[in-house]
Amino acid sequence: MINFCNFVQMDNQNKKSHFQTWVRYSTIGSEMAGAVFFGGFGGHKIDQWMQNETPWATIGLLFVGLSAAFYIVYKQLK
């Protein structure tokens, strides 16, 4: 005889697992976007403050933000 309650319970656990996975990966994406955005924004503000003709601080902090974003991905997926 098939126990219907076990199927319902397994389905609810499966939905919960899919939701947790979705939340985990969407969080990684928003953390990556934030790291790159704040790196670029901070570099731009430093370049404005220092009145640089070439955006060296923007370029440098964008690379720092990209590095931080890749570190976030590595740390979360490890």
C-alpha atoms as a PDB file:
ATOM      1  CA  MET A   1       0.000   0.000   0.000  1.00  0.00           C
ATOM      2  CA  ILE A   2       1.293   3.475  -0.901  1.00  0.00           C
ATOM      3  CA  ASN A   3       1.405   6.025   1.885  1.00  0.00           C
ATOM      4  CA  PHE A   4       0.298   9.354   0.413  1.00  0.00           C
ATOM      5  CA  CYS A   5       1.581  11.386   3.402  1.00  0.00           C
ATOM      6  CA  ASN A   6       5.160  10.354   2.635  1.00  0.00           C
ATOM      7  CA  PHE A   7       4.840  11.659  -0.938  1.00  0.00           C
ATOM      8  CA  VAL A   8       3.458  14.992   0.265  1.00  0.00           C
ATOM      9  CA  GLN A   9       6.214  15.318   2.862  1.00  0.00           C
ATOM     10  CA  MET A  10       8.919  14.501   0.295  1.00  0.00           C
ATOM     11  CA  ASP A  11       7.441  17.040  -2.130  1.00  0.00           C
ATOM     12  CA  ASN A  12       7.456  19.785   0.532  1.00  0.00           C
ATOM     13  CA  GLN A  13      11.095  19.017   1.407  1.00  0.00           C
ATOM     14  CA  ASN A  14      12.017  19.110  -2.288  1.00  0.00           C
ATOM     15  CA  LYS A  15      10.340  22.520  -2.728  1.00  0.00           C
ATOM     16  CA  LYS A  16      12.128  23.828   0.350  1.00  0.00           C
ATOM     17  CA  SER A  17      15.456  22.569  -0.989  1.00  0.00           C
ATOM     18  CA  HIS A  18      14.895  24.257  -4.363  1.00  0.00           C
ATOM     19  CA  PHE A  19      13.939  27.517  -2.651  1.00  0.00           C
ATOM     20  CA  GLN A  20      17.038  27.445  -0.438  1.00  0.00           C
ATOM     21  CA  THR A  21      19.234  26.805  -3.485  1.00  0.00           C
ATOM     22  CA  TRP A  22      17.597  29.662  -5.376  1.00  0.00           C
ATOM     23  CA  VAL A  23      18.064  32.062  -2.451  1.00  0.00           C
ATOM     24  CA  ARG A  24      21.704  31.010  -2.061  1.00  0.00           C
ATOM     25  CA  TYR A  25      22.601  31.701  -5.694  1.00  0.00           C
ATOM     26  CA  SER A  26      20.614  34.927  -5.939  1.00  0.00           C
ATOM     27  CA  THR A  27      22.414  36.182  -2.848  1.00  0.00           C
ATOM     28  CA  ILE A  28      25.766  35.434  -4.471  1.00  0.00           C
ATOM     29  CA  GLY A  29      24.743  37.426  -7.549  1.00  0.00           C
ATOM     30  CA  SER A  30      23.655  40.463  -5.570  1.00  0.00           C
ATOM     31  CA  GLU A  31      26.831  40.366  -3.447  1.00  0.00           C
ATOM     32  CA  MET A  32      28.927  40.254  -6.625  1.00  0.00           C
ATOM     33  CA  ALA A  33      27.033  43.170  -8.146  1.00  0.00           C
ATOM     34  CA  GLY A  34      27.412  45.156  -4.938  1.00  0.00           C
ATOM     35  CA  ALA A  35      31.173  44.560  -4.747  1.00  0.00           C
ATOM     36  CA  VAL A  36      31.711  45.694  -8.344  1.00  0.00           C
ATOM     37  CA  PHE A  37      29.327  48.655  -8.004  1.00  0.00           C
ATOM     38  CA  PHE A  38      30.861  49.985  -4.799  1.00  0.00           C
ATOM     39  CA  GLY A  39      34.367  49.510  -6.168  1.00  0.00           C
ATOM     40  CA  GLY A  40      33.527  51.537  -9.253  1.00  0.00           C
ATOM     41  CA  PHE A  41      31.550  54.150  -7.342  1.00  0.00           C
ATOM     42  CA  GLY A  42      34.260  54.595  -4.732  1.00  0.00           C
ATOM     43  CA  GLY A  43      36.939  54.881  -7.403  1.00  0.00           C
ATOM     44  CA  HIS A  44      34.897  57.441  -9.301  1.00  0.00           C
ATOM     45  CA  LYS A  45      34.407  59.550  -6.177  1.00  0.00           C
ATOM     46  CA  ILE A  46      38.147  59.387  -5.389  1.00  0.00           C
ATOM     47  CA  ASP A  47      38.957  60.453  -8.951  1.00  0.00           C
ATOM     48  CA  GLN A  48      36.541  63.383  -8.645  1.00  0.00           C
ATOM     49  CA  TRP A  49      37.991  64.390  -5.281  1.00  0.00           C
ATOM     50  CA  MET A  50      41.576  64.212  -6.543  1.00  0.00           C
ATOM     51  CA  GLN A  51      40.569  65.842  -9.872  1.00  0.00           C
ATOM     52  CA  ASN A  52      42.373  63.184 -11.903  1.00  0.00           C
ATOM     53  CA  GLU A  53      42.317  63.457 -15.682  1.00  0.00           C
ATOM     54  CA  THR A  54      42.623  59.687 -16.063  1.00  0.00           C
ATOM     55  CA  PRO A  55      40.378  57.463 -13.931  1.00  0.00           C
ATOM     56  CA  TRP A  56      43.116  55.393 -12.272  1.00  0.00           C
ATOM     57  CA  ALA A  57      41.297  55.042  -8.957  1.00  0.00           C
ATOM     58  CA  THR A  58      38.131  53.921 -10.752  1.00  0.00           C
ATOM     59  CA  ILE A  59      40.032  51.303 -12.734  1.00  0.00           C
ATOM     60  CA  GLY A  60      41.960  50.133  -9.688  1.00  0.00           C
ATOM     61  CA  LEU A  61      38.946  49.857  -7.404  1.00  0.00           C
ATOM     62  CA  LEU A  62      36.924  48.141 -10.134  1.00  0.00           C
ATOM     63  CA  PHE A  63      39.589  45.433 -10.212  1.00  0.00           C
ATOM     64  CA  VAL A  64      39.483  45.254  -6.414  1.00  0.00           C
ATOM     65  CA  GLY A  65      35.689  44.892  -6.620  1.00  0.00           C
ATOM     66  CA  LEU A  66      35.985  42.176  -9.262  1.00  0.00           C
ATOM     67  CA  SER A  67      38.518  40.341  -7.131  1.00  0.00           C
ATOM     68  CA  ALA A  68      36.214  40.599  -4.132  1.00  0.00           C
ATOM     69  CA  ALA A  69      33.319  39.310  -6.243  1.00  0.00           C
ATOM     70  CA  PHE A  70      35.288  36.252  -7.369  1.00  0.00           C
ATOM     71  CA  TYR A  71      36.366  35.637  -3.775  1.00  0.00           C
ATOM     72  CA  ILE A  72      32.727  35.773  -2.681  1.00  0.00           C
ATOM     73  CA  VAL A  73      31.804  33.166  -5.301  1.00  0.00           C
ATOM     74  CA  TYR A  74      34.729  30.952  -4.297  1.00  0.00           C
ATOM     75  CA  LYS A  75      33.876  31.203  -0.607  1.00  0.00           C
ATOM     76  CA  GLN A  76      30.162  30.476  -1.120  1.00  0.00           C
ATOM     77  CA  LEU A  77      30.631  27.527  -3.474  1.00  0.00           C
ATOM     78  CA  LYS A  78      33.448  25.937  -1.504  1.00  0.00           C
END
